C-alpha cells in the first residue's frame, strides 16, 4: 500500500453554534470510521499560516489556495485515493481535496 496525503483547501466558514459544530464533527467522524484501517493519520484542521519565499521573505497567509487541513491514508493507487477523497466532508462545505502520493525515500 502507498501513503497518500489528502490536503484540504477551503470548506466554508467556521460553525456558528455548538449544534452546527457537533453536526460537522459527526460527519468527519463517520467518514474517518468508514476509512477503517486505510486511515494512517486523521490529521488536523489548520489555521494560521505564513508563506516563505525563495528569497527568505515571509508573508501572512497560505497563498492563493491556503491549506485548511490534511489527512494521510493508505491506498492501492492514486485513483483509489481519489475515490476515498470524493467522500470527504470538506467537499460539502465548498472546499476541495488535493490528493498527493507520498514517496518513501
C-alpha atoms as a PDB file:
ATOM      1  CA  UNK A   1       0.000   0.000   0.000  1.00  0.00           C
ATOM      2  CA  UNK A   2       1.081   3.527  -0.725  1.00  0.00           C
ATOM      3  CA  UNK A   3       0.523   6.544   1.510  1.00  0.00           C
ATOM      4  CA  UNK A   4      -1.433   9.493   0.149  1.00  0.00           C
ATOM      5  CA  UNK A   5      -1.824  12.936   1.645  1.00  0.00           C
ATOM      6  CA  UNK A   6      -5.296  14.419   1.400  1.00  0.00           C
ATOM      7  CA  UNK A   7      -4.769  18.191   1.576  1.00  0.00           C
ATOM      8  CA  UNK A   8      -7.919  20.170   2.286  1.00  0.00           C
ATOM      9  CA  UNK A   9      -8.500  23.634   0.870  1.00  0.00           C
ATOM     10  CA  UNK A  10     -11.466  25.779   1.861  1.00  0.00           C
ATOM     11  CA  UNK A  11     -14.570  24.189   3.275  1.00  0.00           C
ATOM     12  CA  UNK A  12     -16.759  27.055   4.333  1.00  0.00           C
ATOM     13  CA  UNK A  13     -16.901  29.313   7.355  1.00  0.00           C
ATOM     14  CA  UNK A  14     -16.423  28.139  10.920  1.00  0.00           C
ATOM     15  CA  UNK A  15     -19.635  26.843  12.517  1.00  0.00           C
ATOM     16  CA  UNK A  16     -21.594  29.465  14.426  1.00  0.00           C
ATOM     17  CA  UNK A  17     -23.219  27.208  17.017  1.00  0.00           C
ATOM     18  CA  UNK A  18     -22.355  24.203  19.152  1.00  0.00           C
ATOM     19  CA  UNK A  19     -25.016  22.193  17.330  1.00  0.00           C
ATOM     20  CA  UNK A  20     -23.531  23.027  13.944  1.00  0.00           C
ATOM     21  CA  UNK A  21     -20.042  22.113  15.193  1.00  0.00           C
ATOM     22  CA  UNK A  22     -21.360  18.811  16.525  1.00  0.00           C
ATOM     23  CA  UNK A  23     -23.035  18.008  13.196  1.00  0.00           C
ATOM     24  CA  UNK A  24     -19.863  18.716  11.211  1.00  0.00           C
ATOM     25  CA  UNK A  25     -17.683  16.733  13.633  1.00  0.00           C
ATOM     26  CA  UNK A  26     -20.097  13.792  13.362  1.00  0.00           C
ATOM     27  CA  UNK A  27     -19.753  13.871   9.555  1.00  0.00           C
ATOM     28  CA  UNK A  28     -15.966  13.787   9.830  1.00  0.00           C
ATOM     29  CA  UNK A  29     -16.106  11.043  12.468  1.00  0.00           C
ATOM     30  CA  UNK A  30     -18.350   8.868  10.292  1.00  0.00           C
ATOM     31  CA  UNK A  31     -16.104   9.389   7.267  1.00  0.00           C
ATOM     32  CA  UNK A  32     -12.958   8.554   9.239  1.00  0.00           C
ATOM     33  CA  UNK A  33     -14.618   5.467  10.706  1.00  0.00           C
ATOM     34  CA  UNK A  34     -15.600   4.348   7.205  1.00  0.00           C
ATOM     35  CA  UNK A  35     -11.967   4.566   6.100  1.00  0.00           C
ATOM     36  CA  UNK A  36     -11.087   1.844   8.607  1.00  0.00           C
ATOM     37  CA  UNK A  37      -7.512   0.573   8.532  1.00  0.00           C
ATOM     38  CA  UNK A  38      -6.638   2.706   5.490  1.00  0.00           C
ATOM     39  CA  UNK A  39      -6.600   5.808   7.723  1.00  0.00           C
ATOM     40  CA  UNK A  40      -2.972   6.370   8.747  1.00  0.00           C
ATOM     41  CA  UNK A  41      -3.391   9.797  10.356  1.00  0.00           C
ATOM     42  CA  UNK A  42      -6.673  11.718  10.573  1.00  0.00           C
ATOM     43  CA  UNK A  43      -4.638  14.918  10.625  1.00  0.00           C
ATOM     44  CA  UNK A  44      -5.920  18.224  11.907  1.00  0.00           C
ATOM     45  CA  UNK A  45      -7.519  21.414  10.724  1.00  0.00           C
ATOM     46  CA  UNK A  46      -5.047  24.219  10.091  1.00  0.00           C
ATOM     47  CA  UNK A  47      -5.417  27.914  10.813  1.00  0.00           C
ATOM     48  CA  UNK A  48      -2.631  30.495  10.911  1.00  0.00           C
ATOM     49  CA  UNK A  49      -0.099  30.225   8.094  1.00  0.00           C
ATOM     50  CA  UNK A  50       2.896  32.103   6.717  1.00  0.00           C
ATOM     51  CA  UNK A  51       4.414  31.571   3.298  1.00  0.00           C
ATOM     52  CA  UNK A  52       8.204  31.699   2.925  1.00  0.00           C
ATOM     53  CA  UNK A  53       9.512  32.775  -0.492  1.00  0.00           C
ATOM     54  CA  UNK A  54      12.760  31.672  -2.115  1.00  0.00           C
ATOM     55  CA  UNK A  55      14.378  34.975  -1.091  1.00  0.00           C
ATOM     56  CA  UNK A  56      13.621  34.232   2.571  1.00  0.00           C
ATOM     57  CA  UNK A  57      10.830  36.763   2.963  1.00  0.00           C
ATOM     58  CA  UNK A  58       7.694  35.607   4.744  1.00  0.00           C
ATOM     59  CA  UNK A  59       4.116  36.769   4.224  1.00  0.00           C
ATOM     60  CA  UNK A  60       0.940  36.071   6.154  1.00  0.00           C
ATOM     61  CA  UNK A  61      -1.436  33.514   4.714  1.00  0.00           C
ATOM     62  CA  UNK A  62      -1.102  30.392   2.681  1.00  0.00           C
ATOM     63  CA  UNK A  63      -1.091  31.865  -0.788  1.00  0.00           C
ATOM     64  CA  UNK A  64      -3.985  31.838  -3.241  1.00  0.00           C
ATOM     65  CA  UNK A  65      -5.398  28.474  -2.121  1.00  0.00           C
ATOM     66  CA  UNK A  66      -4.475  28.060   1.556  1.00  0.00           C
ATOM     67  CA  UNK A  67      -4.325  24.674   3.195  1.00  0.00           C
ATOM     68  CA  UNK A  68      -7.082  24.205   5.789  1.00  0.00           C
ATOM     69  CA  UNK A  69      -6.306  20.658   6.918  1.00  0.00           C
ATOM     70  CA  UNK A  70      -4.884  17.270   5.976  1.00  0.00           C
ATOM     71  CA  UNK A  71      -5.198  13.520   6.472  1.00  0.00           C
ATOM     72  CA  UNK A  72      -2.969  10.611   5.444  1.00  0.00           C
ATOM     73  CA  UNK A  73      -4.376   7.370   4.076  1.00  0.00           C
ATOM     74  CA  UNK A  74      -3.118   4.135   2.560  1.00  0.00           C
ATOM     75  CA  UNK A  75      -4.484   3.169  -0.849  1.00  0.00           C
ATOM     76  CA  UNK A  76      -3.602   0.793  -3.687  1.00  0.00           C
ATOM     77  CA  UNK A  77      -3.384   3.603  -6.269  1.00  0.00           C
ATOM     78  CA  UNK A  78      -3.914   7.310  -6.710  1.00  0.00           C
ATOM     79  CA  UNK A  79      -7.251   6.520  -8.353  1.00  0.00           C
ATOM     80  CA  UNK A  80      -8.326   4.625  -5.233  1.00  0.00           C
ATOM     81  CA  UNK A  81      -7.174   7.545  -3.065  1.00  0.00           C
ATOM     82  CA  UNK A  82      -9.166   9.960  -5.243  1.00  0.00           C
ATOM     83  CA  UNK A  83     -12.246   7.763  -4.782  1.00  0.00           C
ATOM     84  CA  UNK A  84     -11.747   7.998  -0.999  1.00  0.00           C
ATOM     85  CA  UNK A  85     -11.370  11.784  -1.242  1.00  0.00           C
ATOM     86  CA  UNK A  86     -14.705  12.052  -3.057  1.00  0.00           C
ATOM     87  CA  UNK A  87     -16.433  11.217   0.245  1.00  0.00           C
ATOM     88  CA  UNK A  88     -14.608  13.883   2.270  1.00  0.00           C
ATOM     89  CA  UNK A  89     -16.901  16.192   4.279  1.00  0.00           C
ATOM     90  CA  UNK A  90     -14.881  19.280   3.260  1.00  0.00           C
ATOM     91  CA  UNK A  91     -16.482  18.997  -0.192  1.00  0.00           C
ATOM     92  CA  UNK A  92     -19.952  19.611   1.259  1.00  0.00           C
ATOM     93  CA  UNK A  93     -18.733  22.988   2.524  1.00  0.00           C
ATOM     94  CA  UNK A  94     -17.488  24.050  -0.916  1.00  0.00           C
ATOM     95  CA  UNK A  95     -13.866  23.075  -0.327  1.00  0.00           C
ATOM     96  CA  UNK A  96     -11.666  20.764  -2.355  1.00  0.00           C
ATOM     97  CA  UNK A  97      -9.222  17.958  -1.699  1.00  0.00           C
ATOM     98  CA  UNK A  98      -5.780  17.687  -3.240  1.00  0.00           C
ATOM     99  CA  UNK A  99      -4.561  14.076  -3.380  1.00  0.00           C
ATOM    100  CA  UNK A 100      -0.795  13.542  -3.449  1.00  0.00           C
ATOM    101  CA  UNK A 101       1.297  10.378  -3.287  1.00  0.00           C
ATOM    102  CA  UNK A 102       3.891  10.330  -0.518  1.00  0.00           C
ATOM    103  CA  UNK A 103       7.071   8.689  -1.804  1.00  0.00           C
ATOM    104  CA  UNK A 104       9.122   6.705   0.709  1.00  0.00           C
ATOM    105  CA  UNK A 105      12.843   7.508   0.484  1.00  0.00           C
END
